[in-house]
Amino acid sequence: MADDGENSVSSKSGGAGWIPIIVAIIGLAGTLGVAYKDVLFSKSPKPVISTISDPKTPHQSADNTPPPPPPPPNIDGIWGVSQITQSGKDFSLLVPMPGPSGTTIAYTGNGMISGHKLTWHFQAPNGDSGVCTDMIIADDNQTIEGDCQHANGATTPFVLKR
């Protein structure tokens, strides 16, 4: 192979023929570095934050006040032979109970609903009175049951069905 002195890289010229190639590579690297600096030098990708909310979960307002409690179950109406009149979380109750000698004693009471629990105070014309606490309203809203404590110390199971 003959050395014509042109377009050849030799040790005689000290490698001067490589200089234009090196300059081109550095220029290309600089151009790519500018174009892709965000990809090459980013510390970490920014996470995408999204909120998925449960449609059954009430949300707090912008001022962080808690959501209002759900309304109490509707117990208004006839329960067997008993009558409940409800206004929001408050209610009144009329329960006719068998009395002596075939008579009927009308127990009356007033109470409050908290969630699925009822508490009420009752009294009767014969002097009987007491309190029914932690009465449970069944999930199907068709049964109320629990125990009532009478002023004389007796405990009576109590069940109402629609």
Protein backbone atom coordinates (compact mmCIF):
# COMPACT_ATOMS: atom_id res chain seq x y z
CA MET A 1 0.00 0.00 0.00
CA ALA A 2 1.49 3.27 -1.06
CA ASP A 3 1.58 6.28 1.18
CA ASP A 4 0.48 9.23 -0.90
CA GLY A 5 0.48 11.61 2.08
CA GLU A 6 -3.17 12.50 1.69
CA ASN A 7 -6.13 11.14 3.63
CA SER A 8 -4.05 8.78 5.67
CA VAL A 9 -3.35 8.72 9.34
CA SER A 10 0.17 7.86 10.20
CA SER A 11 2.39 8.05 13.14
CA LYS A 12 4.52 10.58 11.25
CA SER A 13 1.82 13.24 11.35
CA GLY A 14 1.15 12.58 15.06
CA GLY A 15 -2.44 11.48 14.48
CA ALA A 16 -3.64 14.85 13.21
CA GLY A 17 -6.11 13.09 10.91
CA TRP A 18 -8.21 12.01 13.89
CA ILE A 19 -8.86 15.54 15.11
CA PRO A 20 -11.81 16.26 12.79
CA ILE A 21 -13.42 12.95 13.81
CA ILE A 22 -12.98 13.67 17.52
CA VAL A 23 -14.37 17.19 17.10
CA ALA A 24 -17.41 15.74 15.28
CA ILE A 25 -18.01 13.16 18.05
CA ILE A 26 -17.77 15.84 20.77
CA GLY A 27 -20.17 18.05 18.83
CA LEU A 28 -22.64 15.19 18.44
CA ALA A 29 -22.39 14.34 22.14
CA GLY A 30 -23.03 17.97 23.05
CA THR A 31 -26.07 18.15 20.77
CA LEU A 32 -27.51 14.91 22.19
CA GLY A 33 -26.74 16.04 25.74
CA VAL A 34 -28.72 19.26 25.28
CA ALA A 35 -31.59 17.47 23.59
CA TYR A 36 -31.82 14.68 26.19
CA LYS A 37 -30.52 16.43 29.33
CA ASP A 38 -33.83 15.87 31.17
CA VAL A 39 -33.64 12.15 30.54
CA LEU A 40 -29.91 11.79 31.15
CA PHE A 41 -29.53 13.99 34.21
CA SER A 42 -32.87 13.78 36.00
CA LYS A 43 -32.57 12.70 39.65
CA SER A 44 -35.75 10.67 39.59
CA PRO A 45 -38.94 10.67 37.61
CA LYS A 46 -41.74 12.73 39.09
CA PRO A 47 -44.48 10.40 40.41
CA VAL A 48 -47.97 10.81 39.13
CA ILE A 49 -50.26 11.27 42.10
CA SER A 50 -53.91 10.57 41.68
CA THR A 51 -56.65 10.01 44.19
CA ILE A 52 -59.16 7.24 43.81
CA SER A 53 -62.10 7.75 46.07
CA ASP A 54 -64.59 5.22 47.32
CA PRO A 55 -68.06 6.45 46.37
CA LYS A 56 -69.38 5.00 49.62
CA THR A 57 -66.98 7.01 51.76
CA PRO A 58 -68.10 10.55 52.63
CA HIS A 59 -65.43 13.18 51.98
CA GLN A 60 -64.35 15.99 54.23
CA SER A 61 -64.93 19.51 53.06
CA ALA A 62 -62.15 21.89 52.05
CA ASP A 63 -62.07 23.38 55.57
CA ASN A 64 -61.53 19.88 57.11
CA THR A 65 -64.84 19.73 58.91
CA PRO A 66 -66.00 16.13 59.22
CA PRO A 67 -68.95 15.04 57.08
CA PRO A 68 -72.35 15.02 58.77
CA PRO A 69 -73.39 11.70 60.32
CA PRO A 70 -75.74 9.52 58.29
CA PRO A 71 -79.43 9.91 59.09
CA PRO A 72 -80.84 7.48 61.66
CA PRO A 73 -82.80 4.46 60.44
CA ASN A 74 -86.50 5.12 59.90
CA ILE A 75 -88.41 3.37 62.67
CA ASP A 76 -91.59 5.47 62.35
CA GLY A 77 -94.79 3.45 62.13
CA ILE A 78 -96.57 0.39 63.47
CA TRP A 79 -94.47 -2.36 65.05
CA GLY A 80 -96.82 -5.24 65.82
CA VAL A 81 -99.35 -3.60 68.16
CA SER A 82 -96.94 -0.81 69.13
CA GLN A 83 -96.69 2.65 67.59
CA ILE A 84 -93.43 4.58 67.14
CA THR A 85 -93.47 8.23 66.10
CA GLN A 86 -90.07 9.43 64.94
CA SER A 87 -88.71 12.93 64.41
CA GLY A 88 -85.08 12.74 63.28
CA LYS A 89 -83.11 10.92 65.97
CA ASP A 90 -85.85 11.37 68.61
CA PHE A 91 -88.94 9.19 68.95
CA SER A 92 -91.92 8.45 71.15
CA LEU A 93 -93.33 5.03 71.76
CA LEU A 94 -96.71 3.57 72.74
CA VAL A 95 -96.64 -0.11 73.71
CA PRO A 96 -99.87 -1.76 74.87
CA MET A 97 -99.03 -4.60 77.27
CA PRO A 98 -101.31 -7.17 78.88
CA GLY A 99 -102.30 -6.19 82.39
CA PRO A 100 -104.07 -7.99 85.22
CA SER A 101 -107.52 -9.47 84.66
CA GLY A 102 -107.36 -9.15 80.87
CA THR A 103 -106.76 -5.41 80.85
CA THR A 104 -104.27 -3.58 78.70
CA ILE A 105 -101.64 -1.26 80.12
CA ALA A 106 -100.38 1.42 77.75
CA TYR A 107 -96.65 1.89 78.24
CA THR A 108 -95.35 5.16 76.84
CA GLY A 109 -91.82 6.32 76.36
CA ASN A 110 -89.45 8.76 74.73
CA GLY A 111 -86.02 8.03 73.41
CA MET A 112 -83.20 8.64 71.02
CA ILE A 113 -81.57 6.77 68.13
CA SER A 114 -77.78 6.63 67.81
CA GLY A 115 -76.63 4.63 64.79
CA HIS A 116 -78.52 1.33 65.04
CA LYS A 117 -79.05 1.56 68.81
CA LEU A 118 -82.03 2.92 70.68
CA THR A 119 -82.38 4.11 74.26
CA TRP A 120 -85.68 5.12 75.80
CA HIS A 121 -87.35 5.72 79.15
CA PHE A 122 -90.77 4.25 79.72
CA GLN A 123 -93.60 4.59 82.20
CA ALA A 124 -97.01 3.07 82.70
CA PRO A 125 -100.16 4.20 84.52
CA ASN A 126 -99.67 1.40 87.08
CA GLY A 127 -96.41 3.05 88.26
CA ASP A 128 -94.02 0.76 86.39
CA SER A 129 -91.10 2.63 84.81
CA GLY A 130 -87.59 2.06 83.63
CA VAL A 131 -85.13 2.37 80.79
CA CYS A 132 -84.36 0.31 77.70
CA THR A 133 -80.76 0.79 76.57
CA ASP A 134 -78.68 -0.57 73.70
CA MET A 135 -81.75 -1.78 71.85
CA ILE A 136 -80.54 -2.98 68.44
CA ILE A 137 -82.27 -2.20 65.15
CA ALA A 138 -81.61 -5.13 62.81
CA ASP A 139 -79.92 -4.35 59.47
CA ASP A 140 -83.15 -5.15 57.61
CA ASN A 141 -84.91 -2.48 59.75
CA GLN A 142 -87.64 -5.00 60.61
CA THR A 143 -86.72 -5.93 64.22
CA ILE A 144 -85.82 -4.03 67.39
CA GLU A 145 -84.64 -6.09 70.33
CA GLY A 146 -82.86 -5.85 73.65
CA ASP A 147 -83.54 -5.72 77.38
CA CYS A 148 -85.40 -3.22 79.54
CA GLN A 149 -84.51 -2.49 83.17
CA HIS A 150 -87.50 -1.74 85.40
CA ALA A 151 -87.30 0.60 88.38
CA ASN A 152 -88.01 -2.37 90.68
CA GLY A 153 -84.83 -4.13 89.43
CA ALA A 154 -86.49 -6.58 87.05
CA THR A 155 -85.11 -7.10 83.55
CA THR A 156 -87.48 -7.82 80.68
CA PRO A 157 -86.50 -8.90 77.17
CA PHE A 158 -88.11 -6.65 74.59
CA VAL A 159 -88.72 -7.42 70.90
CA LEU A 160 -90.64 -5.42 68.31
CA LYS A 161 -91.23 -6.67 64.75
CA ARG A 162 -92.79 -4.82 61.83
